Amino acid sequence: QSLQALSGGRDIASVCSGVIDCVAETLSQLIRNADMDKYIFTGGVMCNNVIREAVNKTCTDITAECIMTDKMYCSDNACGVALGTQIIYNKGE
């Protein structure tokens, strides 16, 4: 849908904002449907303020504990995978 919107002339910023809103709403729905009392969030997606706020609000609304990694530790998981791969490659495995 995002690609169609962009090819149809929609503003890039509004399309990106829509994607972030969609991710935030999807995570919120997953939390509501999981029916757990504690959640831990980390990773690159959790650096986004809109997503963090939506997730935190959802946890508050359902009275679930919400643990979020500090943003400085929420790097993209691909970086860790790449580093691990390099280490294994350098060992000749």
N, C-alpha and C. Protein backbone atom coordinates (compact mmCIF):
# COMPACT_ATOMS: atom_id res chain seq x y z
N GLN A 1 0.82 -1.19 0.00
CA GLN A 1 0.00 0.00 0.00
C GLN A 1 0.86 1.25 0.00
N SER A 2 1.97 1.19 0.74
CA SER A 2 2.87 2.34 0.79
C SER A 2 3.47 2.63 -0.58
N LEU A 3 3.91 1.58 -1.26
CA LEU A 3 4.48 1.76 -2.60
C LEU A 3 3.44 2.31 -3.57
N GLN A 4 2.22 1.82 -3.46
CA GLN A 4 1.16 2.34 -4.32
C GLN A 4 0.89 3.81 -4.04
N ALA A 5 0.88 4.17 -2.76
CA ALA A 5 0.64 5.57 -2.39
C ALA A 5 1.75 6.46 -2.93
N LEU A 6 2.99 5.99 -2.81
CA LEU A 6 4.12 6.78 -3.32
C LEU A 6 4.08 6.90 -4.83
N SER A 7 3.80 5.80 -5.51
CA SER A 7 3.74 5.87 -6.97
C SER A 7 2.54 6.68 -7.43
N GLY A 8 1.55 6.82 -6.58
CA GLY A 8 0.38 7.63 -6.90
C GLY A 8 0.57 9.11 -6.59
N GLY A 9 1.78 9.45 -6.12
CA GLY A 9 2.07 10.87 -5.88
C GLY A 9 1.90 11.35 -4.45
N ARG A 10 1.60 10.43 -3.53
CA ARG A 10 1.45 10.86 -2.13
C ARG A 10 2.77 11.36 -1.58
N ASP A 11 2.69 12.28 -0.67
CA ASP A 11 3.86 12.87 -0.01
C ASP A 11 4.61 11.79 0.78
N ILE A 12 5.94 11.76 0.60
CA ILE A 12 6.77 10.75 1.27
C ILE A 12 6.60 10.80 2.79
N ALA A 13 6.59 12.01 3.34
CA ALA A 13 6.48 12.14 4.80
C ALA A 13 5.17 11.57 5.32
N SER A 14 4.08 11.80 4.61
CA SER A 14 2.79 11.29 5.08
C SER A 14 2.72 9.77 4.95
N VAL A 15 3.35 9.21 3.91
CA VAL A 15 3.38 7.76 3.76
C VAL A 15 4.21 7.14 4.88
N CYS A 16 5.36 7.73 5.17
CA CYS A 16 6.21 7.22 6.26
C CYS A 16 5.48 7.31 7.60
N SER A 17 4.80 8.40 7.82
CA SER A 17 4.03 8.57 9.05
C SER A 17 2.94 7.50 9.15
N GLY A 18 2.31 7.20 8.03
CA GLY A 18 1.29 6.16 8.02
C GLY A 18 1.85 4.79 8.35
N VAL A 19 3.04 4.51 7.86
CA VAL A 19 3.69 3.23 8.15
C VAL A 19 3.98 3.12 9.65
N ILE A 20 4.52 4.19 10.22
CA ILE A 20 4.81 4.19 11.67
C ILE A 20 3.52 4.00 12.46
N ASP A 21 2.46 4.69 12.08
CA ASP A 21 1.18 4.54 12.77
C ASP A 21 0.66 3.11 12.66
N CYS A 22 0.85 2.50 11.50
CA CYS A 22 0.40 1.12 11.29
C CYS A 22 1.18 0.15 12.19
N VAL A 23 2.49 0.34 12.27
CA VAL A 23 3.32 -0.51 13.14
C VAL A 23 2.89 -0.34 14.60
N ALA A 24 2.68 0.91 15.02
CA ALA A 24 2.27 1.18 16.40
C ALA A 24 0.93 0.52 16.71
N GLU A 25 -0.01 0.63 15.80
CA GLU A 25 -1.33 0.04 16.03
C GLU A 25 -1.26 -1.49 16.01
N THR A 26 -0.46 -2.04 15.13
CA THR A 26 -0.31 -3.50 15.06
C THR A 26 0.28 -4.04 16.36
N LEU A 27 1.33 -3.40 16.86
CA LEU A 27 1.92 -3.84 18.13
C LEU A 27 0.91 -3.69 19.27
N SER A 28 0.16 -2.61 19.27
CA SER A 28 -0.85 -2.41 20.32
C SER A 28 -1.90 -3.51 20.28
N GLN A 29 -2.34 -3.88 19.08
CA GLN A 29 -3.33 -4.96 18.96
C GLN A 29 -2.75 -6.30 19.42
N LEU A 30 -1.49 -6.55 19.07
CA LEU A 30 -0.84 -7.79 19.52
C LEU A 30 -0.78 -7.86 21.04
N ILE A 31 -0.46 -6.73 21.67
CA ILE A 31 -0.39 -6.68 23.13
C ILE A 31 -1.76 -6.97 23.73
N ARG A 32 -2.79 -6.31 23.20
CA ARG A 32 -4.14 -6.52 23.72
C ARG A 32 -4.59 -7.97 23.57
N ASN A 33 -4.23 -8.59 22.47
CA ASN A 33 -4.67 -9.96 22.20
C ASN A 33 -3.83 -11.02 22.91
N ALA A 34 -2.62 -10.68 23.32
CA ALA A 34 -1.73 -11.66 23.95
C ALA A 34 -2.16 -12.00 25.37
N ASP A 35 -2.81 -11.09 26.04
CA ASP A 35 -3.32 -11.33 27.39
C ASP A 35 -2.22 -11.77 28.36
N MET A 36 -1.14 -11.00 28.39
CA MET A 36 -0.06 -11.26 29.35
C MET A 36 0.03 -10.07 30.29
N ASP A 37 0.76 -10.22 31.39
CA ASP A 37 0.84 -9.12 32.35
C ASP A 37 2.18 -8.40 32.35
N LYS A 38 3.13 -8.85 31.50
CA LYS A 38 4.43 -8.19 31.43
C LYS A 38 4.97 -8.30 30.01
N TYR A 39 5.51 -7.19 29.51
CA TYR A 39 6.08 -7.15 28.17
C TYR A 39 7.45 -6.48 28.22
N ILE A 40 8.38 -6.99 27.42
CA ILE A 40 9.71 -6.41 27.30
C ILE A 40 9.92 -6.04 25.84
N PHE A 41 10.32 -4.80 25.60
CA PHE A 41 10.49 -4.31 24.24
C PHE A 41 11.92 -3.81 24.02
N THR A 42 12.49 -4.20 22.89
CA THR A 42 13.82 -3.76 22.51
C THR A 42 13.95 -3.85 21.00
N GLY A 43 15.05 -3.40 20.46
CA GLY A 43 15.28 -3.48 19.02
C GLY A 43 15.07 -2.15 18.33
N GLY A 44 15.46 -2.10 17.09
CA GLY A 44 15.45 -0.86 16.33
C GLY A 44 14.10 -0.17 16.26
N VAL A 45 13.03 -0.94 16.13
CA VAL A 45 11.69 -0.36 16.04
C VAL A 45 11.35 0.44 17.30
N MET A 46 11.87 -0.02 18.43
CA MET A 46 11.52 0.63 19.69
C MET A 46 12.26 1.95 19.91
N CYS A 47 13.06 2.38 18.95
CA CYS A 47 13.67 3.72 19.02
C CYS A 47 12.67 4.80 18.64
N ASN A 48 11.61 4.42 17.96
CA ASN A 48 10.65 5.38 17.46
C ASN A 48 9.72 5.85 18.58
N ASN A 49 9.64 7.16 18.78
CA ASN A 49 8.83 7.72 19.87
C ASN A 49 7.34 7.42 19.72
N VAL A 50 6.82 7.48 18.51
CA VAL A 50 5.40 7.21 18.29
C VAL A 50 5.07 5.78 18.70
N ILE A 51 5.91 4.86 18.30
CA ILE A 51 5.69 3.44 18.63
C ILE A 51 5.86 3.22 20.12
N ARG A 52 6.87 3.80 20.72
CA ARG A 52 7.09 3.66 22.17
C ARG A 52 5.89 4.16 22.95
N GLU A 53 5.39 5.32 22.57
CA GLU A 53 4.24 5.90 23.28
C GLU A 53 2.99 5.05 23.12
N ALA A 54 2.74 4.54 21.92
CA ALA A 54 1.56 3.71 21.69
C ALA A 54 1.64 2.42 22.50
N VAL A 55 2.80 1.78 22.50
CA VAL A 55 2.99 0.54 23.23
C VAL A 55 2.84 0.78 24.73
N ASN A 56 3.46 1.83 25.22
CA ASN A 56 3.36 2.16 26.64
C ASN A 56 1.92 2.45 27.05
N LYS A 57 1.20 3.21 26.23
CA LYS A 57 -0.20 3.52 26.53
C LYS A 57 -1.04 2.25 26.55
N THR A 58 -0.82 1.38 25.60
CA THR A 58 -1.58 0.13 25.55
C THR A 58 -1.33 -0.71 26.80
N CYS A 59 -0.06 -0.82 27.19
CA CYS A 59 0.26 -1.57 28.41
C CYS A 59 -0.40 -0.94 29.62
N THR A 60 -0.37 0.38 29.69
CA THR A 60 -1.02 1.09 30.81
C THR A 60 -2.52 0.82 30.80
N ASP A 61 -3.14 0.89 29.62
CA ASP A 61 -4.59 0.68 29.50
C ASP A 61 -5.01 -0.70 29.99
N ILE A 62 -4.18 -1.70 29.75
CA ILE A 62 -4.55 -3.06 30.15
C ILE A 62 -3.88 -3.47 31.46
N THR A 63 -3.27 -2.50 32.12
CA THR A 63 -2.54 -2.68 33.39
C THR A 63 -1.49 -3.79 33.31
N ALA A 64 -0.72 -3.78 32.24
CA ALA A 64 0.40 -4.71 32.08
C ALA A 64 1.69 -3.95 32.31
N GLU A 65 2.68 -4.64 32.85
CA GLU A 65 3.99 -4.03 33.05
C GLU A 65 4.68 -3.90 31.70
N CYS A 66 5.25 -2.74 31.45
CA CYS A 66 5.91 -2.46 30.18
C CYS A 66 7.37 -2.11 30.46
N ILE A 67 8.27 -2.97 30.00
CA ILE A 67 9.70 -2.74 30.18
C ILE A 67 10.28 -2.42 28.81
N MET A 68 10.84 -1.22 28.69
CA MET A 68 11.44 -0.81 27.42
C MET A 68 12.92 -0.56 27.61
N THR A 69 13.69 -1.14 26.72
CA THR A 69 15.13 -0.90 26.71
C THR A 69 15.37 0.57 26.41
N ASP A 70 16.34 1.15 27.08
CA ASP A 70 16.72 2.53 26.80
C ASP A 70 17.05 2.65 25.32
N LYS A 71 16.68 3.77 24.73
CA LYS A 71 16.88 3.96 23.29
C LYS A 71 18.33 3.72 22.85
N MET A 72 19.28 4.08 23.68
CA MET A 72 20.67 3.91 23.27
C MET A 72 21.06 2.44 23.08
N TYR A 73 20.24 1.53 23.62
CA TYR A 73 20.50 0.11 23.46
C TYR A 73 19.55 -0.55 22.46
N CYS A 74 18.72 0.23 21.82
CA CYS A 74 17.75 -0.30 20.86
C CYS A 74 18.27 -0.16 19.43
N SER A 75 19.44 -0.68 19.20
CA SER A 75 19.99 -0.58 17.85
C SER A 75 19.31 -1.60 16.94
N ASP A 76 19.54 -1.43 15.68
CA ASP A 76 18.98 -2.33 14.69
C ASP A 76 19.56 -3.73 14.90
N ASN A 77 18.70 -4.73 14.98
CA ASN A 77 19.15 -6.11 15.19
C ASN A 77 20.06 -6.59 14.07
N ALA A 78 19.93 -6.02 12.89
CA ALA A 78 20.77 -6.44 11.77
C ALA A 78 22.24 -6.18 12.07
N CYS A 79 22.53 -5.16 12.85
CA CYS A 79 23.93 -4.88 13.21
C CYS A 79 24.51 -6.03 14.02
N GLY A 80 23.76 -6.55 14.95
CA GLY A 80 24.22 -7.67 15.76
C GLY A 80 24.39 -8.93 14.94
N VAL A 81 23.46 -9.17 14.03
CA VAL A 81 23.56 -10.34 13.16
C VAL A 81 24.80 -10.23 12.27
N ALA A 82 25.04 -9.04 11.73
CA ALA A 82 26.21 -8.83 10.87
C ALA A 82 27.50 -9.03 11.66
N LEU A 83 27.56 -8.51 12.87
CA LEU A 83 28.76 -8.68 13.69
C LEU A 83 28.99 -10.15 14.02
N GLY A 84 27.93 -10.83 14.42
CA GLY A 84 28.06 -12.25 14.73
C GLY A 84 28.52 -13.06 13.53
N THR A 85 28.00 -12.72 12.37
CA THR A 85 28.40 -13.40 11.14
C THR A 85 29.87 -13.15 10.84
N GLN A 86 30.32 -11.92 11.03
CA GLN A 86 31.74 -11.60 10.79
C GLN A 86 32.64 -12.39 11.74
N ILE A 87 32.25 -12.48 12.99
CA ILE A 87 33.04 -13.23 13.97
C ILE A 87 33.15 -14.70 13.57
N ILE A 88 32.02 -15.29 13.19
CA ILE A 88 32.03 -16.70 12.77
C ILE A 88 32.86 -16.86 11.50
N TYR A 89 32.70 -15.94 10.56
CA TYR A 89 33.47 -16.01 9.31
C TYR A 89 34.97 -15.92 9.58
N ASN A 90 35.35 -15.00 10.46
CA ASN A 90 36.78 -14.82 10.79
C ASN A 90 37.36 -16.06 11.45
N LYS A 91 36.56 -16.82 12.16
CA LYS A 91 37.01 -18.06 12.78
C LYS A 91 37.09 -19.20 11.77
N GLY A 92 36.58 -18.96 10.57
CA GLY A 92 36.61 -19.98 9.53
C GLY A 92 35.50 -21.01 9.65
N GLU A 93 34.46 -20.68 10.37
CA GLU A 93 33.33 -21.62 10.56
C GLU A 93 32.26 -21.40 9.52
